[in-house]
Structure formats: C-alpha cells, structure tokens
Amino acid sequence: VADLHGDTLEQARRGNNLQKPTSLNEKGEPINGVGDTPNRHDMLTGS
C-alpha cells in the first residue's frame, strides 16, 4: 500500500508500476487512453 501511494520519499522517488502497458483489465487487455478513440482512462476513485 505504501509503495502504491509513495508514502515515503524513497517510495515516491521509485514510484509504482501503474502505467498504460500494465494497467490492464481482467482479460489482460489495455485500457484506451489519451490518443485512443474513445478515451476511457478516467478511473472512479473518490480519493
């Protein structure tokens, strides 16, 4: 959880590995993002 959110300076520097190539759906498919049609990169979080 701390790594995911960059709670420490070292974790913030390193960063998590959530990017377009790794943020996949349960089928292993990438999510359309900026430059794709339609763009679907907005994720509900409320956070």
PDB file of all heavy atoms in Angstrom:
ATOM      1  N   VAL A   1       0.836  -1.199   0.000  1.00  0.00           N
ATOM      2  CA  VAL A   1       0.000   0.000   0.000  1.00  0.00           C
ATOM      3  C   VAL A   1       0.872   1.251   0.000  1.00  0.00           C
ATOM      4  O   VAL A   1       0.600   2.214  -0.724  1.00  0.00           O
ATOM      5  CB  VAL A   1      -0.943  -0.004   1.221  1.00  0.00           C
ATOM      6  CG1 VAL A   1      -1.700   1.315   1.329  1.00  0.00           C
ATOM      7  CG2 VAL A   1      -1.938  -1.158   1.125  1.00  0.00           C
ATOM      8  N   ALA A   2       1.928   1.250   0.811  1.00  0.00           N
ATOM      9  CA  ALA A   2       2.823   2.404   0.871  1.00  0.00           C
ATOM     10  C   ALA A   2       3.543   2.609  -0.454  1.00  0.00           C
ATOM     11  O   ALA A   2       3.723   3.737  -0.913  1.00  0.00           O
ATOM     12  CB  ALA A   2       3.826   2.225   2.005  1.00  0.00           C
ATOM     13  N   ASP A   3       3.945   1.521  -1.086  1.00  0.00           N
ATOM     14  CA  ASP A   3       4.600   1.604  -2.400  1.00  0.00           C
ATOM     15  C   ASP A   3       3.629   2.138  -3.446  1.00  0.00           C
ATOM     16  O   ASP A   3       3.988   2.970  -4.278  1.00  0.00           O
ATOM     17  CB  ASP A   3       5.096   0.209  -2.786  1.00  0.00           C
ATOM     18  CG  ASP A   3       5.761   0.177  -4.149  1.00  0.00           C
ATOM     19  OD1 ASP A   3       6.744   0.912  -4.355  1.00  0.00           O
ATOM     20  OD2 ASP A   3       5.308  -0.597  -5.011  1.00  0.00           O
ATOM     21  N   LEU A   4       2.396   1.687  -3.379  1.00  0.00           N
ATOM     22  CA  LEU A   4       1.378   2.114  -4.334  1.00  0.00           C
ATOM     23  C   LEU A   4       1.156   3.622  -4.276  1.00  0.00           C
ATOM     24  O   LEU A   4       0.956   4.276  -5.307  1.00  0.00           O
ATOM     25  CB  LEU A   4       0.069   1.376  -4.038  1.00  0.00           C
ATOM     26  CG  LEU A   4      -1.114   1.587  -4.981  1.00  0.00           C
ATOM     27  CD1 LEU A   4      -0.810   1.040  -6.370  1.00  0.00           C
ATOM     28  CD2 LEU A   4      -2.363   0.920  -4.413  1.00  0.00           C
ATOM     29  N   HIS A   5       1.234   4.194  -3.076  1.00  0.00           N
ATOM     30  CA  HIS A   5       0.912   5.610  -2.892  1.00  0.00           C
ATOM     31  C   HIS A   5       2.134   6.498  -2.689  1.00  0.00           C
ATOM     32  O   HIS A   5       1.995   7.714  -2.561  1.00  0.00           O
ATOM     33  CB  HIS A   5      -0.038   5.776  -1.700  1.00  0.00           C
ATOM     34  CG  HIS A   5      -1.367   5.144  -1.903  1.00  0.00           C
ATOM     35  ND1 HIS A   5      -1.651   3.851  -1.526  1.00  0.00           N
ATOM     36  CD2 HIS A   5      -2.502   5.628  -2.480  1.00  0.00           C
ATOM     37  CE1 HIS A   5      -2.904   3.555  -1.837  1.00  0.00           C
ATOM     38  NE2 HIS A   5      -3.440   4.616  -2.427  1.00  0.00           N
ATOM     39  N   GLY A   6       3.329   5.931  -2.661  1.00  0.00           N
ATOM     40  CA  GLY A   6       4.520   6.742  -2.474  1.00  0.00           C
ATOM     41  C   GLY A   6       4.560   7.409  -1.112  1.00  0.00           C
ATOM     42  O   GLY A   6       4.793   8.616  -1.002  1.00  0.00           O
ATOM     43  N   ASP A   7       4.352   6.638  -0.039  1.00  0.00           N
ATOM     44  CA  ASP A   7       4.252   7.220   1.292  1.00  0.00           C
ATOM     45  C   ASP A   7       5.577   7.772   1.813  1.00  0.00           C
ATOM     46  O   ASP A   7       5.587   8.710   2.601  1.00  0.00           O
ATOM     47  CB  ASP A   7       3.722   6.184   2.282  1.00  0.00           C
ATOM     48  CG  ASP A   7       2.226   5.933   2.123  1.00  0.00           C
ATOM     49  OD1 ASP A   7       1.577   6.684   1.377  1.00  0.00           O
ATOM     50  OD2 ASP A   7       1.712   4.994   2.747  1.00  0.00           O
ATOM     51  N   THR A   8       6.688   7.163   1.437  1.00  0.00           N
ATOM     52  CA  THR A   8       7.988   7.653   1.868  1.00  0.00           C
ATOM     53  C   THR A   8       8.686   8.325   0.689  1.00  0.00           C
ATOM     54  O   THR A   8       8.303   8.143  -0.474  1.00  0.00           O
ATOM     55  CB  THR A   8       8.872   6.518   2.401  1.00  0.00           C
ATOM     56  OG1 THR A   8       9.238   5.656   1.303  1.00  0.00           O
ATOM     57  CG2 THR A   8       8.139   5.706   3.462  1.00  0.00           C
ATOM     58  N   LEU A   9       9.731   9.070   0.990  1.00  0.00           N
ATOM     59  CA  LEU A   9      10.469   9.741  -0.081  1.00  0.00           C
ATOM     60  C   LEU A   9      11.048   8.726  -1.061  1.00  0.00           C
ATOM     61  O   LEU A   9      11.039   8.938  -2.271  1.00  0.00           O
ATOM     62  CB  LEU A   9      11.580  10.613   0.509  1.00  0.00           C
ATOM     63  CG  LEU A   9      11.122  11.874   1.249  1.00  0.00           C
ATOM     64  CD1 LEU A   9      12.316  12.570   1.865  1.00  0.00           C
ATOM     65  CD2 LEU A   9      10.382  12.818   0.314  1.00  0.00           C
ATOM     66  N   GLU A  10      11.556   7.610  -0.542  1.00  0.00           N
ATOM     67  CA  GLU A  10      12.127   6.593  -1.423  1.00  0.00           C
ATOM     68  C   GLU A  10      11.042   5.962  -2.292  1.00  0.00           C
ATOM     69  O   GLU A  10      11.233   5.751  -3.490  1.00  0.00           O
ATOM     70  CB  GLU A  10      12.827   5.517  -0.595  1.00  0.00           C
ATOM     71  CG  GLU A  10      13.303   4.303  -1.395  1.00  0.00           C
ATOM     72  CD  GLU A  10      14.277   4.653  -2.512  1.00  0.00           C
ATOM     73  OE1 GLU A  10      14.942   5.711  -2.433  1.00  0.00           O
ATOM     74  OE2 GLU A  10      14.372   3.873  -3.485  1.00  0.00           O
ATOM     75  N   GLN A  11       9.900   5.664  -1.700  1.00  0.00           N
ATOM     76  CA  GLN A  11       8.803   5.078  -2.481  1.00  0.00           C
ATOM     77  C   GLN A  11       8.272   6.068  -3.495  1.00  0.00           C
ATOM     78  O   GLN A  11       7.914   5.695  -4.614  1.00  0.00           O
ATOM     79  CB  GLN A  11       7.698   4.606  -1.543  1.00  0.00           C
ATOM     80  CG  GLN A  11       8.069   3.363  -0.756  1.00  0.00           C
ATOM     81  CD  GLN A  11       7.198   3.165   0.459  1.00  0.00           C
ATOM     82  OE1 GLN A  11       6.633   4.108   1.010  1.00  0.00           O
ATOM     83  NE2 GLN A  11       7.077   1.924   0.910  1.00  0.00           N
ATOM     84  N   ALA A  12       8.230   7.344  -3.128  1.00  0.00           N
ATOM     85  CA  ALA A  12       7.780   8.366  -4.069  1.00  0.00           C
ATOM     86  C   ALA A  12       8.768   8.509  -5.218  1.00  0.00           C
ATOM     87  O   ALA A  12       8.382   8.672  -6.380  1.00  0.00           O
ATOM     88  CB  ALA A  12       7.612   9.700  -3.350  1.00  0.00           C
ATOM     89  N   ARG A  13      10.052   8.440  -4.911  1.00  0.00           N
ATOM     90  CA  ARG A  13      11.069   8.538  -5.968  1.00  0.00           C
ATOM     91  C   ARG A  13      10.970   7.358  -6.928  1.00  0.00           C
ATOM     92  O   ARG A  13      11.037   7.520  -8.145  1.00  0.00           O
ATOM     93  CB  ARG A  13      12.465   8.577  -5.342  1.00  0.00           C
ATOM     94  CG  ARG A  13      13.602   8.722  -6.372  1.00  0.00           C
ATOM     95  CD  ARG A  13      14.940   8.345  -5.794  1.00  0.00           C
ATOM     96  NE  ARG A  13      14.990   6.941  -5.456  1.00  0.00           N
ATOM     97  CZ  ARG A  13      15.163   5.971  -6.346  1.00  0.00           C
ATOM     98  NH1 ARG A  13      15.289   6.261  -7.639  1.00  0.00           N
ATOM     99  NH2 ARG A  13      15.199   4.715  -5.973  1.00  0.00           N
ATOM    100  N   ARG A  14      10.807   6.175  -6.356  1.00  0.00           N
ATOM    101  CA  ARG A  14      10.763   4.969  -7.173  1.00  0.00           C
ATOM    102  C   ARG A  14       9.466   4.889  -7.968  1.00  0.00           C
ATOM    103  O   ARG A  14       9.456   4.521  -9.140  1.00  0.00           O
ATOM    104  CB  ARG A  14      10.918   3.742  -6.270  1.00  0.00           C
ATOM    105  CG  ARG A  14      11.020   2.420  -7.026  1.00  0.00           C
ATOM    106  CD  ARG A  14      11.303   1.280  -6.058  1.00  0.00           C
ATOM    107  NE  ARG A  14      10.192   1.095  -5.125  1.00  0.00           N
ATOM    108  CZ  ARG A  14      10.333   1.109  -3.805  1.00  0.00           C
ATOM    109  NH1 ARG A  14      11.507   1.323  -3.251  1.00  0.00           N
ATOM    110  NH2 ARG A  14       9.281   0.916  -3.022  1.00  0.00           N
ATOM    111  N   GLY A  15       8.348   5.212  -7.318  1.00  0.00           N
ATOM    112  CA  GLY A  15       7.053   5.155  -7.987  1.00  0.00           C
ATOM    113  C   GLY A  15       6.515   3.735  -8.107  1.00  0.00           C
ATOM    114  O   GLY A  15       7.249   2.758  -7.999  1.00  0.00           O
ATOM    115  N   ASN A  16       5.213   3.619  -8.289  1.00  0.00           N
ATOM    116  CA  ASN A  16       4.637   2.300  -8.557  1.00  0.00           C
ATOM    117  C   ASN A  16       4.745   2.003 -10.055  1.00  0.00           C
ATOM    118  O   ASN A  16       5.306   2.788 -10.812  1.00  0.00           O
ATOM    119  CB  ASN A  16       3.187   2.212  -8.048  1.00  0.00           C
ATOM    120  CG  ASN A  16       2.274   3.225  -8.726  1.00  0.00           C
ATOM    121  OD1 ASN A  16       2.301   3.382  -9.943  1.00  0.00           O
ATOM    122  ND2 ASN A  16       1.451   3.920  -7.945  1.00  0.00           N
ATOM    123  N   ASN A  17       4.234   0.865 -10.447  1.00  0.00           N
ATOM    124  CA  ASN A  17       4.357   0.451 -11.847  1.00  0.00           C
ATOM    125  C   ASN A  17       3.012   0.482 -12.564  1.00  0.00           C
ATOM    126  O   ASN A  17       2.738  -0.334 -13.430  1.00  0.00           O
ATOM    127  CB  ASN A  17       4.966  -0.955 -11.928  1.00  0.00           C
ATOM    128  CG  ASN A  17       5.437  -1.296 -13.342  1.00  0.00           C
ATOM    129  OD1 ASN A  17       5.840  -0.430 -14.098  1.00  0.00           O
ATOM    130  ND2 ASN A  17       5.384  -2.568 -13.691  1.00  0.00           N
ATOM    131  N   LEU A  18       2.163   1.414 -12.185  1.00  0.00           N
ATOM    132  CA  LEU A  18       0.877   1.579 -12.867  1.00  0.00           C
ATOM    133  C   LEU A  18       1.050   2.574 -14.003  1.00  0.00           C
ATOM    134  O   LEU A  18       1.220   3.767 -13.780  1.00  0.00           O
ATOM    135  CB  LEU A  18      -0.189   2.066 -11.891  1.00  0.00           C
ATOM    136  CG  LEU A  18      -0.760   1.011 -10.950  1.00  0.00           C
ATOM    137  CD1 LEU A  18      -1.645   1.654  -9.908  1.00  0.00           C
ATOM    138  CD2 LEU A  18      -1.524  -0.046 -11.722  1.00  0.00           C
ATOM    139  N   GLN A  19       1.036   2.073 -15.207  1.00  0.00           N
ATOM    140  CA  GLN A  19       1.142   2.861 -16.429  1.00  0.00           C
ATOM    141  C   GLN A  19       0.220   2.200 -17.457  1.00  0.00           C
ATOM    142  O   GLN A  19      -0.357   1.150 -17.195  1.00  0.00           O
ATOM    143  CB  GLN A  19       2.580   2.882 -16.950  1.00  0.00           C
ATOM    144  CG  GLN A  19       3.620   3.352 -15.953  1.00  0.00           C
ATOM    145  CD  GLN A  19       3.623   4.851 -15.737  1.00  0.00           C
ATOM    146  OE1 GLN A  19       3.023   5.593 -16.513  1.00  0.00           O
ATOM    147  NE2 GLN A  19       4.294   5.305 -14.692  1.00  0.00           N
ATOM    148  N   LYS A  20       0.102   2.778 -18.629  1.00  0.00           N
ATOM    149  CA  LYS A  20      -0.811   2.217 -19.627  1.00  0.00           C
ATOM    150  C   LYS A  20      -0.487   0.756 -19.968  1.00  0.00           C
ATOM    151  O   LYS A  20      -1.407  -0.073 -20.052  1.00  0.00           O
ATOM    152  CB  LYS A  20      -0.812   3.071 -20.898  1.00  0.00           C
ATOM    153  CG  LYS A  20      -1.837   2.585 -21.925  1.00  0.00           C
ATOM    154  CD  LYS A  20      -1.901   3.499 -23.134  1.00  0.00           C
ATOM    155  CE  LYS A  20      -2.950   3.005 -24.130  1.00  0.00           C
ATOM    156  NZ  LYS A  20      -3.044   3.891 -25.309  1.00  0.00           N
ATOM    157  N   PRO A  21       0.780   0.358 -20.166  1.00  0.00           N
ATOM    158  CA  PRO A  21       1.047  -1.043 -20.524  1.00  0.00           C
ATOM    159  C   PRO A  21       0.760  -2.041 -19.411  1.00  0.00           C
ATOM    160  O   PRO A  21       0.627  -3.234 -19.681  1.00  0.00           O
ATOM    161  CB  PRO A  21       2.542  -1.035 -20.871  1.00  0.00           C
ATOM    162  CG  PRO A  21       2.872   0.382 -21.168  1.00  0.00           C
ATOM    163  CD  PRO A  21       1.995   1.174 -20.252  1.00  0.00           C
ATOM    164  N   THR A  22       0.686  -1.586 -18.168  1.00  0.00           N
ATOM    165  CA  THR A  22       0.476  -2.506 -17.057  1.00  0.00           C
ATOM    166  C   THR A  22      -0.900  -2.387 -16.420  1.00  0.00           C
ATOM    167  O   THR A  22      -1.318  -3.277 -15.682  1.00  0.00           O
ATOM    168  CB  THR A  22       1.535  -2.273 -15.961  1.00  0.00           C
ATOM    169  OG1 THR A  22       1.529  -0.897 -15.588  1.00  0.00           O
ATOM    170  CG2 THR A  22       2.920  -2.647 -16.472  1.00  0.00           C
ATOM    171  N   SER A  23      -1.594  -1.300 -16.678  1.00  0.00           N
ATOM    172  CA  SER A  23      -2.940  -1.112 -16.116  1.00  0.00           C
ATOM    173  C   SER A  23      -3.953  -1.811 -17.015  1.00  0.00           C
ATOM    174  O   SER A  23      -4.622  -1.192 -17.841  1.00  0.00           O
ATOM    175  CB  SER A  23      -3.254   0.383 -15.986  1.00  0.00           C
ATOM    176  OG  SER A  23      -2.388   0.997 -15.063  1.00  0.00           O
ATOM    177  N   LEU A  24      -4.071  -3.118 -16.845  1.00  0.00           N
ATOM    178  CA  LEU A  24      -4.865  -3.963 -17.727  1.00  0.00           C
ATOM    179  C   LEU A  24      -6.181  -4.354 -17.068  1.00  0.00           C
ATOM    180  O   LEU A  24      -6.309  -4.362 -15.844  1.00  0.00           O
ATOM    181  CB  LEU A  24      -4.076  -5.235 -18.068  1.00  0.00           C
ATOM    182  CG  LEU A  24      -2.656  -5.036 -18.599  1.00  0.00           C
ATOM    183  CD1 LEU A  24      -1.992  -6.397 -18.808  1.00  0.00           C
ATOM    184  CD2 LEU A  24      -2.659  -4.227 -19.886  1.00  0.00           C
ATOM    185  N   ASN A  25      -7.157  -4.716 -17.903  1.00  0.00           N
ATOM    186  CA  ASN A  25      -8.390  -5.246 -17.336  1.00  0.00           C
ATOM    187  C   ASN A  25      -8.222  -6.728 -17.017  1.00  0.00           C
ATOM    188  O   ASN A  25      -7.147  -7.304 -17.209  1.00  0.00           O
ATOM    189  CB  ASN A  25      -9.592  -4.971 -18.249  1.00  0.00           C
ATOM    190  CG  ASN A  25      -9.518  -5.709 -19.584  1.00  0.00           C
ATOM    191  OD1 ASN A  25      -8.856  -6.736 -19.717  1.00  0.00           O
ATOM    192  ND2 ASN A  25     -10.219  -5.193 -20.577  1.00  0.00           N
ATOM    193  N   GLU A  26      -9.283  -7.336 -16.516  1.00  0.00           N
ATOM    194  CA  GLU A  26      -9.179  -8.738 -16.078  1.00  0.00           C
ATOM    195  C   GLU A  26      -8.947  -9.707 -17.221  1.00  0.00           C
ATOM    196  O   GLU A  26      -8.541 -10.858 -17.005  1.00  0.00           O
ATOM    197  CB  GLU A  26     -10.442  -9.136 -15.294  1.00  0.00           C
ATOM    198  CG  GLU A  26     -11.683  -9.393 -16.127  1.00  0.00           C
ATOM    199  CD  GLU A  26     -12.455  -8.133 -16.502  1.00  0.00           C
ATOM    200  OE1 GLU A  26     -11.978  -7.016 -16.184  1.00  0.00           O
ATOM    201  OE2 GLU A  26     -13.542  -8.252 -17.093  1.00  0.00           O
ATOM    202  N   LYS A  27      -9.153  -9.256 -18.446  1.00  0.00           N
ATOM    203  CA  LYS A  27      -8.897 -10.084 -19.628  1.00  0.00           C
ATOM    204  C   LYS A  27      -7.473  -9.920 -20.142  1.00  0.00           C
ATOM    205  O   LYS A  27      -7.109 -10.537 -21.138  1.00  0.00           O
ATOM    206  CB  LYS A  27      -9.882  -9.710 -20.730  1.00  0.00           C
ATOM    207  CG  LYS A  27     -11.345  -9.852 -20.328  1.00  0.00           C
ATOM    208  CD  LYS A  27     -12.270  -9.334 -21.429  1.00  0.00           C
ATOM    209  CE  LYS A  27     -13.719  -9.370 -21.001  1.00  0.00           C
ATOM    210  NZ  LYS A  27     -14.631  -8.837 -22.046  1.00  0.00           N
ATOM    211  N   GLY A  28      -6.697  -9.072 -19.486  1.00  0.00           N
ATOM    212  CA  GLY A  28      -5.340  -8.809 -19.936  1.00  0.00           C
ATOM    213  C   GLY A  28      -5.258  -7.781 -21.043  1.00  0.00           C
ATOM    214  O   GLY A  28      -4.230  -7.663 -21.713  1.00  0.00           O
ATOM    215  N   GLU A  29      -6.320  -7.000 -21.211  1.00  0.00           N
ATOM    216  CA  GLU A  29      -6.381  -6.003 -22.281  1.00  0.00           C
ATOM    217  C   GLU A  29      -6.040  -4.621 -21.751  1.00  0.00           C
ATOM    218  O   GLU A  29      -6.428  -4.267 -20.634  1.00  0.00           O
ATOM    219  CB  GLU A  29      -7.778  -5.977 -22.893  1.00  0.00           C
ATOM    220  CG  GLU A  29      -8.237  -7.302 -23.465  1.00  0.00           C
ATOM    221  CD  GLU A  29      -9.728  -7.330 -23.765  1.00  0.00           C
ATOM    222  OE1 GLU A  29     -10.482  -6.524 -23.172  1.00  0.00           O
ATOM    223  OE2 GLU A  29     -10.142  -8.185 -24.567  1.00  0.00           O
ATOM    224  N   PRO A  30      -5.330  -3.802 -22.540  1.00  0.00           N
ATOM    225  CA  PRO A  30      -5.054  -2.426 -22.123  1.00  0.00           C
ATOM    226  C   PRO A  30      -6.318  -1.578 -22.190  1.00  0.00           C
ATOM    227  O   PRO A  30      -7.264  -1.892 -22.901  1.00  0.00           O
ATOM    228  CB  PRO A  30      -4.009  -1.951 -23.133  1.00  0.00           C
ATOM    229  CG  PRO A  30      -4.283  -2.772 -24.359  1.00  0.00           C
ATOM    230  CD  PRO A  30      -4.733  -4.121 -23.854  1.00  0.00           C
ATOM    231  N   ILE A  31      -6.307  -0.495 -21.440  1.00  0.00           N
ATOM    232  CA  ILE A  31      -7.419   0.445 -21.401  1.00  0.00           C
ATOM    233  C   ILE A  31      -7.106   1.615 -22.324  1.00  0.00           C
ATOM    234  O   ILE A  31      -6.001   2.172 -22.281  1.00  0.00           O
ATOM    235  CB  ILE A  31      -7.654   0.968 -19.976  1.00  0.00           C
ATOM    236  CG1 ILE A  31      -7.825  -0.201 -18.987  1.00  0.00           C
ATOM    237  CG2 ILE A  31      -8.858   1.903 -19.928  1.00  0.00           C
ATOM    238  CD1 ILE A  31      -8.972  -1.121 -19.301  1.00  0.00           C
ATOM    239  N   ASN A  32      -8.059   1.981 -23.169  1.00  0.00           N
ATOM    240  CA  ASN A  32      -7.863   3.142 -24.042  1.00  0.00           C
ATOM    241  C   ASN A  32      -7.492   4.365 -23.212  1.00  0.00           C
ATOM    242  O   ASN A  32      -8.096   4.627 -22.175  1.00  0.00           O
ATOM    243  CB  ASN A  32      -9.132   3.444 -24.836  1.00  0.00           C
ATOM    244  CG  ASN A  32      -9.294   2.556 -26.039  1.00  0.00           C
ATOM    245  OD1 ASN A  32      -8.556   1.595 -26.225  1.00  0.00           O
ATOM    246  ND2 ASN A  32     -10.268   2.880 -26.874  1.00  0.00           N
ATOM    247  N   GLY A  33      -6.502   5.112 -23.723  1.00  0.00           N
ATOM    248  CA  GLY A  33      -6.072   6.319 -23.040  1.00  0.00           C
ATOM    249  C   GLY A  33      -5.999   7.494 -23.988  1.00  0.00           C
ATOM    250  O   GLY A  33      -6.650   7.502 -25.050  1.00  0.00           O
ATOM    251  N   VAL A  34      -5.211   8.485 -23.616  1.00  0.00           N
ATOM    252  CA  VAL A  34      -5.034   9.669 -24.452  1.00  0.00           C
ATOM    253  C   VAL A  34      -4.491   9.254 -25.811  1.00  0.00           C
ATOM    254  O   VAL A  34      -3.523   8.498 -25.907  1.00  0.00           O
ATOM    255  CB  VAL A  34      -4.084  10.674 -23.777  1.00  0.00           C
ATOM    256  CG1 VAL A  34      -3.752  11.821 -24.716  1.00  0.00           C
ATOM    257  CG2 VAL A  34      -4.714  11.209 -22.492  1.00  0.00           C
ATOM    258  N   GLY A  35      -5.139   9.712 -26.873  1.00  0.00           N
ATOM    259  CA  GLY A  35      -4.753   9.349 -28.228  1.00  0.00           C
ATOM    260  C   GLY A  35      -5.553   8.207 -28.813  1.00  0.00           C
ATOM    261  O   GLY A  35      -5.475   7.951 -30.014  1.00  0.00           O
ATOM    262  N   ASP A  36      -6.312   7.489 -27.967  1.00  0.00           N
ATOM    263  CA  ASP A  36      -7.168   6.402 -28.439  1.00  0.00           C
ATOM    264  C   ASP A  36      -8.602   6.903 -28.562  1.00  0.00           C
ATOM    265  O   ASP A  36      -9.001   7.866 -27.923  1.00  0.00           O
ATOM    266  CB  ASP A  36      -7.139   5.223 -27.462  1.00  0.00           C
ATOM    267  CG  ASP A  36      -5.762   4.625 -27.304  1.00  0.00           C
ATOM    268  OD1 ASP A  36      -5.036   4.542 -28.311  1.00  0.00           O
ATOM    269  OD2 ASP A  36      -5.407   4.240 -26.168  1.00  0.00           O
ATOM    270  N   THR A  37      -9.386   6.201 -29.391  1.00  0.00           N
ATOM    271  CA  THR A  37     -10.791   6.555 -29.572  1.00  0.00           C
ATOM    272  C   THR A  37     -11.664   5.339 -29.286  1.00  0.00           C
ATOM    273  O   THR A  37     -11.528   4.317 -29.940  1.00  0.00           O
ATOM    274  CB  THR A  37     -11.065   7.054 -30.998  1.00  0.00           C
ATOM    275  OG1 THR A  37     -10.204   8.180 -31.266  1.00  0.00           O
ATOM    276  CG2 THR A  37     -12.499   7.489 -31.172  1.00  0.00           C
ATOM    277  N   PRO A  38     -12.552   5.418 -28.282  1.00  0.00           N
ATOM    278  CA  PRO A  38     -12.701   6.557 -27.362  1.00  0.00           C
ATOM    279  C   PRO A  38     -11.693   6.473 -26.224  1.00  0.00           C
ATOM    280  O   PRO A  38     -11.206   5.384 -25.898  1.00  0.00           O
ATOM    281  CB  PRO A  38     -14.120   6.383 -26.832  1.00  0.00           C
ATOM    282  CG  PRO A  38     -14.302   4.886 -26.813  1.00  0.00           C
ATOM    283  CD  PRO A  38     -13.571   4.373 -28.044  1.00  0.00           C
ATOM    284  N   ASN A  39     -11.383   7.600 -25.625  1.00  0.00           N
ATOM    285  CA  ASN A  39     -10.540   7.632 -24.436  1.00  0.00           C
ATOM    286  C   ASN A  39     -11.358   7.137 -23.250  1.00  0.00           C
ATOM    287  O   ASN A  39     -12.451   7.644 -23.002  1.00  0.00           O
ATOM    288  CB  ASN A  39     -10.047   9.063 -24.203  1.00  0.00           C
ATOM    289  CG  ASN A  39      -9.186   9.196 -22.969  1.00  0.00           C
ATOM    290  OD1 ASN A  39      -8.752   8.203 -22.386  1.00  0.00           O
ATOM    291  ND2 ASN A  39      -8.917  10.417 -22.569  1.00  0.00           N
ATOM    292  N   ARG A  40     -10.843   6.152 -22.517  1.00  0.00           N
ATOM    293  CA  ARG A  40     -11.571   5.608 -21.366  1.00  0.00           C
ATOM    294  C   ARG A  40     -10.695   5.573 -20.120  1.00  0.00           C
ATOM    295  O   ARG A  40     -10.868   4.724 -19.246  1.00  0.00           O
ATOM    296  CB  ARG A  40     -12.075   4.194 -21.697  1.00  0.00           C
ATOM    297  CG  ARG A  40     -12.901   4.082 -22.959  1.00  0.00           C
ATOM    298  CD  ARG A  40     -13.218   2.638 -23.310  1.00  0.00           C
ATOM    299  NE  ARG A  40     -14.321   2.110 -22.545  1.00  0.00           N
ATOM    300  CZ  ARG A  40     -14.408   0.839 -22.130  1.00  0.00           C
ATOM    301  NH1 ARG A  40     -13.431  -0.005 -22.366  1.00  0.00           N
ATOM    302  NH2 ARG A  40     -15.453   0.433 -21.457  1.00  0.00           N
ATOM    303  N   HIS A  41      -9.716   6.477 -20.044  1.00  0.00           N
ATOM    304  CA  HIS A  41      -8.725   6.361 -18.971  1.00  0.00           C
ATOM    305  C   HIS A  41      -9.180   6.875 -17.613  1.00  0.00           C
ATOM    306  O   HIS A  41      -8.478   6.683 -16.617  1.00  0.00           O
ATOM    307  CB  HIS A  41      -7.415   7.045 -19.376  1.00  0.00           C
ATOM    308  CG  HIS A  41      -7.467   8.543 -19.424  1.00  0.00           C
ATOM    309  ND1 HIS A  41      -6.336   9.306 -19.650  1.00  0.00           N
ATOM    310  CD2 HIS A  41      -8.493   9.441 -19.298  1.00  0.00           C
ATOM    311  CE1 HIS A  41      -6.660  10.588 -19.644  1.00  0.00           C
ATOM    312  NE2 HIS A  41      -7.953  10.693 -19.436  1.00  0.00           N
ATOM    313  N   ASP A  42     -10.334   7.536 -17.529  1.00  0.00           N
ATOM    314  CA  ASP A  42     -10.825   8.044 -16.242  1.00  0.00           C
ATOM    315  C   ASP A  42     -11.288   6.891 -15.358  1.00  0.00           C
ATOM    316  O   ASP A  42     -12.219   6.161 -15.703  1.00  0.00           O
ATOM    317  CB  ASP A  42     -12.001   8.998 -16.453  1.00  0.00           C
ATOM    318  CG  ASP A  42     -11.571  10.378 -16.904  1.00  0.00           C
ATOM    319  OD1 ASP A  42     -10.363  10.678 -16.861  1.00  0.00           O
ATOM    320  OD2 ASP A  42     -12.455  11.158 -17.310  1.00  0.00           O
ATOM    321  N   MET A  43     -10.657   6.751 -14.196  1.00  0.00           N
ATOM    322  CA  MET A  43     -11.000   5.700 -13.242  1.00  0.00           C
ATOM    323  C   MET A  43     -11.704   6.301 -12.034  1.00  0.00           C
ATOM    324  O   MET A  43     -11.216   7.262 -11.421  1.00  0.00           O
ATOM    325  CB  MET A  43      -9.735   4.982 -12.762  1.00  0.00           C
ATOM    326  CG  MET A  43      -8.948   4.289 -13.858  1.00  0.00           C
ATOM    327  SD  MET A  43      -9.809   2.845 -14.534  1.00  0.00           S
ATOM    328  CE  MET A  43     -10.057   3.393 -16.236  1.00  0.00           C
ATOM    329  N   LEU A  44     -12.849   5.773 -11.673  1.00  0.00           N
ATOM    330  CA  LEU A  44     -13.535   6.202 -10.461  1.00  0.00           C
ATOM    331  C   LEU A  44     -12.686   5.844  -9.242  1.00  0.00           C
ATOM    332  O   LEU A  44     -12.256   4.692  -9.093  1.00  0.00           O
ATOM    333  CB  LEU A  44     -14.889   5.507 -10.334  1.00  0.00           C
ATOM    334  CG  LEU A  44     -15.889   5.668 -11.482  1.00  0.00           C
ATOM    335  CD1 LEU A  44     -17.108   4.783 -11.228  1.00  0.00           C
ATOM    336  CD2 LEU A  44     -16.303   7.116 -11.658  1.00  0.00           C
ATOM    337  N   THR A  45     -12.437   6.819  -8.361  1.00  0.00           N
ATOM    338  CA  THR A  45     -11.726   6.526  -7.115  1.00  0.00           C
ATOM    339  C   THR A  45     -12.323   7.258  -5.917  1.00  0.00           C
ATOM    340  O   THR A  45     -12.277   6.747  -4.799  1.00  0.00           O
ATOM    341  CB  THR A  45     -10.229   6.900  -7.198  1.00  0.00           C
ATOM    342  OG1 THR A  45     -10.079   8.317  -7.199  1.00  0.00           O
ATOM    343  CG2 THR A  45      -9.567   6.287  -8.435  1.00  0.00           C
ATOM    344  N   GLY A  46     -12.791   8.488  -6.098  1.00  0.00           N
ATOM    345  CA  GLY A  46     -13.277   9.274  -4.973  1.00  0.00           C
ATOM    346  C   GLY A  46     -12.203   9.587  -3.952  1.00  0.00           C
ATOM    347  O   GLY A  46     -12.520   9.883  -2.791  1.00  0.00           O
ATOM    348  N   SER A  47     -10.953   9.567  -4.371  1.00  0.00           N
ATOM    349  CA  SER A  47      -9.839   9.608  -3.421  1.00  0.00           C
ATOM    350  C   SER A  47      -8.888  10.772  -3.656  1.00  0.00           C
ATOM    351  O   SER A  47      -8.763  11.280  -4.773  1.00  0.00           O
ATOM    352  CB  SER A  47      -9.038   8.304  -3.505  1.00  0.00           C
ATOM    353  OG  SER A  47      -9.854   7.182  -3.254  1.00  0.00           O
TER     354      SER A  47
END
